[in-house]
Amino acid sequence: MGILDAERNFITLYLHHIGKSEVPKNFHLWSCLSLIAACVGDSVWVQRDLAKRVFPNLFVFLIGPSGSGKESAVNTALGFVKDIERVNPYPGKITGPALWDFLAGRGEYNKDLGMTIATNPRVYFVTEELGACVRAGDLAFDLITMMTSMFVRPPFLIDGTRTRGYIKLIEPCLNWLAGSTDEWLVKSIPRDAIEGGFWARVLSVRGSRNHAVRYPQILYPDDYEEVKKHLQTRVEALTWVEGGYRLSDDAQAWHDDWYLSREAPREKLYDPAFNRGDEMVYKLALLLALADWPGEFTPDGFCDHDPVIHVAHLEEAVELWNSLVFDMPETMEVSSSSPETTDMKVIQDMLERIYPGCLQRADLQRRLSARGLNKDRLDKAMETLLDQETVKEEREPGVRIGTYKRSYRATKGKVEAASP
């Protein structure tokens, strides 16, 4: 008896078909949610109130060390839509002006108005490594500014240059799935964007490999081909689903109680994310409800499914959102890191990886020299780490009288930002 005999939830089937590997499961989970969002675009929505529709488009960033499996998760999701024109995937390098041109490519030139008009252009922007696809500096700022303005699917946007002319995008809908290391994140995304409005729109998913669990090869399930074929059919069905979803009466009561009892952020830095939390929960609950739709249509072309968001969808949506909020401070710290703080994190990470966690000064200096840390930088960073008690120094008598050998051991303390 295969899983398709008892299960129809898209996310459950997706996570089944990827099998067992060293790729963090949450990378695949959020890539799956991104995939659903890209398939439906703005063709479905949840009616938040009389005047406000919330569309399920997402900006999902998978953040982890190089080789942690981001590429595998991103490419698995991309593989399902690579040939679906309605989704319009765009994997590769991009700038703000280039994205304008790409979206305008689906429009027509209006001679009377003197501009190219594209109605409801969609794009699934996929960047398996952010640093290789988003250029730093002013070009990155232009792109991020554009992405920020398009996240809410505005009624229209107009842009123009002397050489390109004017472009009008009517109800553009963007989805973004990206992978990045912390280092490339800081280089590619301006610090102001991480601390401001853009990052509040991003679902940053952190993950790393568990080195205690190893798979020389991915262990795919026996019914892999059957389930993958079923998922492909479901993906294509999702691209044609249309209409509004609503909260059941019980779900509305549950949502209102959760909203009124949310704990406010203790630091101003997290206000933008808190303010968008309710919108993100609506988006995620809608995607979870869509995952329950079996992909079937009635003879007259409507979804054979009651378009209702239930309490279970909201509960899971809040749980998903909270799982990301807990990791948000780490991303914020990375974005605001000074070179001194970065040195401190490198040293502590190196000490934490050494068993039993104690390393002589000479060995530490030799290992750090390969990372570009000279003696002066080591001394400066170590002084702060010792003051913060995130690293403990141990001394042993040296060969000569009056000398000693210094060793360092990481503690459970947390590296704090170095003073300016």
Protein backbone atom coordinates (compact mmCIF):
# COMPACT_ATOMS: atom_id res chain seq x y z
CA MET A 1 0.00 0.00 0.00
CA GLY A 2 1.61 3.28 -1.14
CA ILE A 3 1.27 6.70 0.41
CA LEU A 4 -1.09 7.83 -2.37
CA ASP A 5 -3.65 5.30 -1.15
CA ALA A 6 -4.10 7.23 2.09
CA GLU A 7 -2.66 10.73 1.63
CA ARG A 8 -3.48 13.67 -0.61
CA ASN A 9 -1.92 16.63 1.19
CA PHE A 10 0.54 18.22 -1.24
CA ILE A 11 3.15 19.15 1.38
CA THR A 12 3.11 15.70 2.99
CA LEU A 13 3.56 14.05 -0.42
CA TYR A 14 6.30 16.50 -1.38
CA LEU A 15 8.30 15.80 1.78
CA HIS A 16 7.78 12.07 1.21
CA HIS A 17 9.09 12.12 -2.34
CA ILE A 18 12.38 13.86 -1.44
CA GLY A 19 13.35 10.84 0.67
CA LYS A 20 16.03 10.87 3.35
CA SER A 21 19.16 12.96 2.92
CA GLU A 22 21.44 15.38 4.74
CA VAL A 23 19.53 18.40 3.43
CA PRO A 24 17.68 20.12 6.31
CA LYS A 25 14.02 19.16 6.13
CA ASN A 26 12.90 22.73 6.71
CA PHE A 27 14.69 23.78 3.50
CA HIS A 28 12.47 21.40 1.54
CA LEU A 29 9.36 22.41 3.50
CA TRP A 30 9.73 26.11 2.76
CA SER A 31 10.72 25.46 -0.85
CA CYS A 32 7.48 23.50 -1.18
CA LEU A 33 5.46 26.40 0.24
CA SER A 34 7.26 28.74 -2.17
CA LEU A 35 6.39 26.40 -5.04
CA ILE A 36 2.68 26.43 -4.19
CA ALA A 37 2.75 30.23 -3.91
CA ALA A 38 4.42 30.57 -7.30
CA CYS A 39 1.89 28.26 -8.94
CA VAL A 40 -1.19 30.17 -7.76
CA GLY A 41 0.33 33.65 -7.99
CA ASP A 42 -2.42 36.17 -7.29
CA SER A 43 -5.23 34.05 -8.73
CA VAL A 44 -6.31 33.14 -5.20
CA TRP A 45 -6.50 35.26 -2.09
CA VAL A 46 -7.95 35.42 1.39
CA GLN A 47 -10.36 38.25 2.16
CA ARG A 48 -8.83 39.88 5.23
CA ASP A 49 -11.60 42.50 5.48
CA LEU A 50 -14.01 44.28 3.15
CA ALA A 51 -11.25 46.23 1.40
CA LYS A 52 -8.15 44.07 1.81
CA ARG A 53 -7.14 40.94 -0.06
CA VAL A 54 -4.05 39.03 1.00
CA PHE A 55 -2.30 37.16 -1.80
CA PRO A 56 -0.07 34.15 -1.03
CA ASN A 57 3.13 35.27 -2.80
CA LEU A 58 6.27 34.76 -0.70
CA PHE A 59 9.92 35.79 -0.56
CA VAL A 60 11.68 32.74 0.93
CA PHE A 61 15.41 32.84 1.72
CA LEU A 62 17.17 29.63 2.74
CA ILE A 63 20.19 30.64 4.82
CA GLY A 64 22.94 28.25 5.78
CA PRO A 65 26.62 27.38 5.30
CA SER A 66 27.97 26.48 1.89
CA GLY A 67 27.10 22.89 1.05
CA SER A 68 24.20 22.71 3.51
CA GLY A 69 21.72 21.67 0.84
CA LYS A 70 20.15 24.96 -0.19
CA GLU A 71 20.79 24.28 -3.87
CA SER A 72 19.17 20.85 -3.69
CA ALA A 73 16.02 22.21 -2.06
CA VAL A 74 15.75 25.16 -4.47
CA ASN A 75 16.34 23.08 -7.59
CA THR A 76 13.86 20.39 -6.52
CA ALA A 77 11.11 22.99 -6.33
CA LEU A 78 12.22 24.69 -9.55
CA GLY A 79 12.14 21.38 -11.41
CA PHE A 80 8.36 21.17 -11.10
CA VAL A 81 7.74 24.49 -12.87
CA LYS A 82 10.70 24.86 -15.23
CA ASP A 83 8.48 24.32 -18.27
CA ILE A 84 5.29 26.01 -17.04
CA GLU A 85 4.96 29.34 -18.82
CA ARG A 86 2.17 30.59 -16.55
CA VAL A 87 4.52 30.47 -13.54
CA ASN A 88 7.27 32.20 -15.54
CA PRO A 89 10.35 31.04 -13.58
CA TYR A 90 13.47 33.20 -13.78
CA PRO A 91 16.58 31.43 -12.47
CA GLY A 92 19.78 33.41 -12.75
CA LYS A 93 21.38 36.84 -12.41
CA ILE A 94 19.21 39.91 -12.28
CA THR A 95 19.22 43.65 -11.65
CA GLY A 96 16.31 45.99 -11.04
CA PRO A 97 16.25 47.39 -14.61
CA ALA A 98 16.61 43.90 -16.08
CA LEU A 99 13.66 42.67 -14.03
CA TRP A 100 11.56 45.57 -15.30
CA ASP A 101 12.45 44.60 -18.88
CA PHE A 102 11.73 40.92 -18.21
CA LEU A 103 8.26 41.66 -16.85
CA ALA A 104 7.58 44.16 -19.64
CA GLY A 105 8.43 41.46 -22.17
CA ARG A 106 4.98 40.04 -21.60
CA GLY A 107 3.32 43.35 -22.42
CA GLU A 108 2.55 45.40 -25.51
CA TYR A 109 3.63 48.86 -26.59
CA ASN A 110 0.85 51.45 -26.49
CA LYS A 111 1.69 54.07 -29.08
CA ASP A 112 -0.88 56.59 -27.83
CA LEU A 113 0.49 56.51 -24.27
CA GLY A 114 4.08 56.06 -25.37
CA MET A 115 4.75 53.18 -23.02
CA THR A 116 4.88 49.40 -22.78
CA ILE A 117 2.03 48.02 -20.70
CA ALA A 118 2.15 44.57 -19.10
CA THR A 119 -1.02 43.38 -17.39
CA ASN A 120 -0.64 41.09 -14.36
CA PRO A 121 2.91 39.93 -15.17
CA ARG A 122 4.14 37.09 -12.96
CA VAL A 123 7.63 35.88 -12.23
CA TYR A 124 9.10 33.17 -10.00
CA PHE A 125 12.53 34.59 -9.24
CA VAL A 126 14.80 31.66 -8.24
CA THR A 127 18.37 32.21 -7.08
CA GLU A 128 20.07 29.14 -5.67
CA GLU A 129 23.02 31.27 -4.51
CA LEU A 130 22.16 34.88 -3.77
CA GLY A 131 25.72 36.18 -4.07
CA ALA A 132 26.08 34.78 -7.58
CA CYS A 133 22.81 36.25 -8.83
CA VAL A 134 22.37 39.61 -7.10
CA ARG A 135 25.09 42.16 -7.68
CA ALA A 136 26.23 44.24 -4.76
CA GLY A 137 26.17 48.01 -4.34
CA ASP A 138 23.73 50.35 -6.07
CA LEU A 139 22.48 47.59 -8.40
CA ALA A 140 21.46 45.48 -5.40
CA PHE A 141 19.74 48.47 -3.82
CA ASP A 142 17.73 49.10 -7.00
CA LEU A 143 16.62 45.46 -7.14
CA ILE A 144 15.68 45.28 -3.47
CA THR A 145 13.75 48.54 -3.72
CA MET A 146 11.80 47.15 -6.65
CA MET A 147 11.12 43.84 -4.91
CA THR A 148 9.92 45.67 -1.81
CA SER A 149 7.43 47.75 -3.78
CA MET A 150 6.06 44.71 -5.65
CA PHE A 151 5.60 42.39 -2.67
CA VAL A 152 2.08 43.63 -1.93
CA ARG A 153 1.03 43.35 -5.59
CA PRO A 154 0.38 47.07 -6.18
CA PRO A 155 -2.35 48.24 -8.60
CA PHE A 156 0.36 49.45 -10.98
CA LEU A 157 3.92 50.73 -11.16
CA ILE A 158 5.56 52.95 -13.78
CA ASP A 159 9.25 53.24 -14.55
CA GLY A 160 11.05 55.07 -17.33
CA THR A 161 14.48 55.90 -18.68
CA ARG A 162 15.70 57.89 -21.67
CA THR A 163 16.96 54.81 -23.47
CA ARG A 164 14.31 52.26 -22.51
CA GLY A 165 11.23 54.43 -22.46
CA TYR A 166 8.31 54.01 -20.08
CA ILE A 167 7.03 50.72 -18.69
CA LYS A 168 3.75 50.26 -16.83
CA LEU A 169 3.23 47.07 -14.86
CA ILE A 170 -0.38 46.46 -13.87
CA GLU A 171 -0.83 44.23 -10.80
CA PRO A 172 2.62 42.57 -10.95
CA CYS A 173 2.98 39.42 -8.84
CA LEU A 174 6.41 38.25 -7.70
CA ASN A 175 7.57 35.17 -5.83
CA TRP A 176 11.19 34.71 -4.78
CA LEU A 177 13.04 31.61 -3.62
CA ALA A 178 16.71 32.15 -2.79
CA GLY A 179 19.59 30.41 -1.05
CA SER A 180 22.41 32.26 0.68
CA THR A 181 25.20 31.99 3.18
CA ASP A 182 25.41 34.62 5.90
CA GLU A 183 28.47 36.10 4.21
CA TRP A 184 26.75 36.53 0.84
CA LEU A 185 23.59 37.78 2.48
CA VAL A 186 25.45 40.73 3.98
CA LYS A 187 27.23 41.46 0.69
CA SER A 188 24.15 41.17 -1.52
CA ILE A 189 21.41 42.76 0.59
CA PRO A 190 22.03 46.31 1.86
CA ARG A 191 22.05 46.57 5.65
CA ASP A 192 19.28 49.17 5.57
CA ALA A 193 17.06 46.67 3.75
CA ILE A 194 17.64 43.94 6.34
CA GLU A 195 16.88 46.33 9.18
CA GLY A 196 14.00 48.00 7.35
CA GLY A 197 10.98 47.25 5.22
CA PHE A 198 12.39 44.66 2.83
CA TRP A 199 13.45 42.10 5.40
CA ALA A 200 10.05 42.23 7.08
CA ARG A 201 8.72 40.79 3.82
CA VAL A 202 11.23 37.93 3.73
CA LEU A 203 10.80 34.53 5.34
CA SER A 204 14.38 33.74 6.36
CA VAL A 205 14.80 30.01 6.92
CA ARG A 206 18.01 29.00 8.69
CA GLY A 207 19.42 25.49 8.54
CA SER A 208 22.59 23.42 8.53
CA ARG A 209 23.56 19.80 8.10
CA ASN A 210 23.59 17.48 11.09
CA HIS A 211 27.03 15.91 10.72
CA ALA A 212 26.01 13.03 12.99
CA VAL A 213 23.46 11.92 10.38
CA ARG A 214 25.00 10.91 7.05
CA TYR A 215 23.66 9.47 3.82
CA PRO A 216 26.21 8.52 1.16
CA GLN A 217 23.27 8.56 -1.25
CA ILE A 218 19.77 9.98 -0.98
CA LEU A 219 17.32 7.26 0.09
CA TYR A 220 14.32 7.80 -2.16
CA PRO A 221 11.05 5.98 -1.40
CA ASP A 222 10.05 3.00 -3.53
CA ASP A 223 7.09 4.95 -4.95
CA TYR A 224 9.21 8.00 -5.83
CA GLU A 225 8.30 8.07 -9.54
CA GLU A 226 4.59 7.56 -8.87
CA VAL A 227 4.44 10.31 -6.23
CA LYS A 228 6.51 12.72 -8.32
CA LYS A 229 4.17 12.25 -11.27
CA HIS A 230 1.20 12.91 -9.01
CA LEU A 231 2.85 16.06 -7.65
CA GLN A 232 3.54 17.31 -11.16
CA THR A 233 -0.15 16.93 -12.00
CA ARG A 234 -1.06 18.82 -8.83
CA VAL A 235 1.39 21.61 -9.68
CA GLU A 236 -0.18 22.10 -13.07
CA ALA A 237 -3.66 22.13 -11.49
CA LEU A 238 -2.57 24.79 -8.98
CA THR A 239 -1.65 27.13 -11.81
CA TRP A 240 -5.33 27.24 -12.85
CA VAL A 241 -7.06 27.53 -9.49
CA GLU A 242 -8.88 30.83 -8.98
CA GLY A 243 -11.02 32.59 -6.40
CA GLY A 244 -11.16 33.84 -2.85
CA TYR A 245 -10.79 31.88 0.36
CA ARG A 246 -12.43 32.77 3.66
CA LEU A 247 -11.90 31.89 7.28
CA SER A 248 -14.48 29.64 8.90
CA ASP A 249 -16.32 31.14 11.87
CA ASP A 250 -14.22 29.08 14.29
CA ALA A 251 -11.03 30.05 12.46
CA GLN A 252 -11.95 33.75 12.58
CA ALA A 253 -12.54 33.54 16.33
CA TRP A 254 -9.26 31.68 16.80
CA HIS A 255 -7.38 34.22 14.69
CA ASP A 256 -8.80 37.20 16.58
CA ASP A 257 -7.91 35.68 19.94
CA TRP A 258 -4.34 34.98 18.74
CA TYR A 259 -3.98 38.47 17.29
CA LEU A 260 -5.10 40.21 20.48
CA SER A 261 -2.82 38.10 22.68
CA ARG A 262 0.38 38.39 20.62
CA GLU A 263 3.36 39.51 22.65
CA ALA A 264 4.77 42.77 21.35
CA PRO A 265 8.48 42.86 20.41
CA ARG A 266 10.84 44.07 23.10
CA GLU A 267 13.21 45.71 20.63
CA LYS A 268 12.33 48.30 18.01
CA LEU A 269 14.47 46.42 15.47
CA TYR A 270 11.82 43.71 15.23
CA ASP A 271 8.82 46.04 14.82
CA PRO A 272 8.61 45.69 10.99
CA ALA A 273 8.46 41.88 11.19
CA PHE A 274 5.90 42.01 14.02
CA ASN A 275 3.75 44.42 12.04
CA ARG A 276 3.69 42.04 9.05
CA GLY A 277 3.22 38.92 11.16
CA ASP A 278 -0.56 38.86 10.75
CA GLU A 279 -0.31 39.21 6.97
CA MET A 280 2.26 36.40 6.83
CA VAL A 281 0.01 34.12 8.89
CA TYR A 282 -2.84 34.75 6.44
CA LYS A 283 -0.54 33.89 3.52
CA LEU A 284 0.71 30.70 5.12
CA ALA A 285 -2.76 29.58 6.21
CA LEU A 286 -3.99 30.05 2.64
CA LEU A 287 -1.10 27.99 1.25
CA LEU A 288 -1.79 25.24 3.80
CA ALA A 289 -5.44 25.20 2.74
CA LEU A 290 -4.39 24.96 -0.91
CA ALA A 291 -2.15 22.02 -0.03
CA ASP A 292 -5.29 20.16 1.10
CA TRP A 293 -7.00 20.73 -2.25
CA PRO A 294 -6.69 17.44 -4.20
CA GLY A 295 -6.25 19.25 -7.52
CA GLU A 296 -9.64 18.34 -8.95
CA PHE A 297 -12.10 20.57 -10.82
CA THR A 298 -15.84 20.38 -11.26
CA PRO A 299 -17.25 19.93 -14.80
CA ASP A 300 -17.85 23.69 -15.02
CA GLY A 301 -14.21 24.44 -14.23
CA PHE A 302 -14.35 25.38 -10.55
CA CYS A 303 -12.25 23.83 -7.80
CA ASP A 304 -13.88 20.73 -6.37
CA HIS A 305 -13.01 21.97 -2.90
CA ASP A 306 -14.58 24.22 -0.28
CA PRO A 307 -12.40 27.39 -0.26
CA VAL A 308 -12.28 27.65 3.52
CA ILE A 309 -9.36 28.18 5.91
CA HIS A 310 -9.91 26.17 9.08
CA VAL A 311 -8.50 26.45 12.59
CA ALA A 312 -5.94 23.73 11.89
CA HIS A 313 -4.54 25.77 8.98
CA LEU A 314 -4.18 28.86 11.17
CA GLU A 315 -2.60 26.93 14.02
CA GLU A 316 0.01 25.45 11.69
CA ALA A 317 0.57 28.83 10.02
CA VAL A 318 1.29 30.49 13.37
CA GLU A 319 3.63 27.63 14.30
CA LEU A 320 5.51 28.05 11.02
CA TRP A 321 5.76 31.81 11.47
CA ASN A 322 6.98 31.47 15.06
CA SER A 323 9.64 28.99 13.98
CA LEU A 324 11.15 31.71 11.77
CA VAL A 325 10.73 34.56 14.23
CA PHE A 326 12.96 32.74 16.72
CA ASP A 327 15.79 32.74 14.16
CA MET A 328 15.31 36.37 13.16
CA PRO A 329 17.66 37.85 15.80
CA GLU A 330 20.56 35.82 14.40
CA THR A 331 20.01 37.23 10.91
CA MET A 332 19.70 40.73 12.31
CA GLU A 333 22.98 40.29 14.17
CA VAL A 334 24.70 39.09 11.01
CA SER A 335 23.42 42.10 9.08
CA SER A 336 24.77 44.55 11.64
CA SER A 337 28.07 42.79 12.25
CA SER A 338 31.24 44.83 12.31
CA PRO A 339 34.52 43.25 11.13
CA GLU A 340 35.47 42.80 14.80
CA THR A 341 32.23 40.95 15.56
CA THR A 342 32.78 38.72 12.54
CA ASP A 343 36.27 37.84 13.83
CA MET A 344 34.78 36.98 17.21
CA LYS A 345 32.19 34.67 15.67
CA VAL A 346 34.86 32.91 13.58
CA ILE A 347 36.98 32.28 16.68
CA GLN A 348 34.11 31.01 18.81
CA ASP A 349 32.81 28.76 16.03
CA MET A 350 36.28 27.27 15.59
CA LEU A 351 36.64 26.58 19.30
CA GLU A 352 33.16 25.04 19.49
CA ARG A 353 34.06 22.58 16.75
CA ILE A 354 37.27 21.40 18.45
CA TYR A 355 36.85 18.41 20.72
CA PRO A 356 37.04 18.62 23.70
CA GLY A 357 36.85 22.33 22.96
CA CYS A 358 40.31 23.49 24.03
CA LEU A 359 42.95 24.79 21.63
CA GLN A 360 46.42 26.15 22.28
CA ARG A 361 47.11 29.71 21.24
CA ALA A 362 49.70 28.71 18.63
CA ASP A 363 47.34 26.19 17.02
CA LEU A 364 44.50 28.71 17.02
CA GLN A 365 46.67 31.36 15.36
CA ARG A 366 47.81 28.91 12.69
CA ARG A 367 44.22 27.88 11.86
CA LEU A 368 42.99 31.47 11.82
CA SER A 369 45.76 32.69 9.56
CA ALA A 370 44.14 30.70 6.76
CA ARG A 371 41.00 32.80 7.36
CA GLY A 372 42.93 36.06 7.12
CA LEU A 373 43.09 36.80 10.86
CA ASN A 374 46.53 38.07 11.89
CA LYS A 375 47.91 38.37 15.42
CA ASP A 376 46.56 41.86 16.05
CA ARG A 377 43.03 40.93 15.00
CA LEU A 378 43.17 37.77 17.12
CA ASP A 379 44.33 39.74 20.16
CA LYS A 380 41.61 42.35 19.76
CA ALA A 381 38.83 39.81 19.24
CA MET A 382 40.07 37.55 22.04
CA GLU A 383 40.15 40.44 24.51
CA THR A 384 36.46 41.10 23.92
CA LEU A 385 35.53 37.41 24.00
CA LEU A 386 37.25 36.99 27.35
CA ASP A 387 35.50 40.08 28.72
CA GLN A 388 32.14 38.70 27.57
CA GLU A 389 33.05 35.29 29.06
CA THR A 390 32.17 33.58 25.79
CA VAL A 391 35.70 32.15 25.74
CA LYS A 392 37.71 30.93 28.73
CA GLU A 393 41.50 31.08 28.89
CA GLU A 394 43.52 28.25 30.49
CA ARG A 395 47.21 28.45 31.29
CA GLU A 396 49.83 25.71 31.68
CA PRO A 397 53.46 26.10 32.79
CA GLY A 398 55.87 26.45 29.90
CA VAL A 399 59.22 24.74 29.41
CA ARG A 400 61.11 27.69 30.82
CA ILE A 401 60.53 29.03 34.31
CA GLY A 402 58.13 31.97 34.38
CA THR A 403 56.54 31.15 31.03
CA TYR A 404 53.20 29.57 30.29
CA LYS A 405 51.15 28.19 27.41
CA ARG A 406 47.75 29.71 26.75
CA SER A 407 44.78 27.64 25.60
CA TYR A 408 41.23 28.68 24.92
CA ARG A 409 37.89 26.96 25.42
CA ALA A 410 34.48 28.10 24.15
CA THR A 411 31.76 28.54 26.76
CA LYS A 412 28.00 28.59 26.31
CA GLY A 413 28.04 32.38 26.15
CA LYS A 414 26.69 34.31 23.20
CA VAL A 415 28.89 36.57 21.08
CA GLU A 416 27.66 40.14 21.32
CA ALA A 417 28.33 42.95 18.89
CA ALA A 418 31.67 44.60 19.41
CA SER A 419 31.63 48.18 20.61
CA PRO A 420 32.18 50.78 17.87
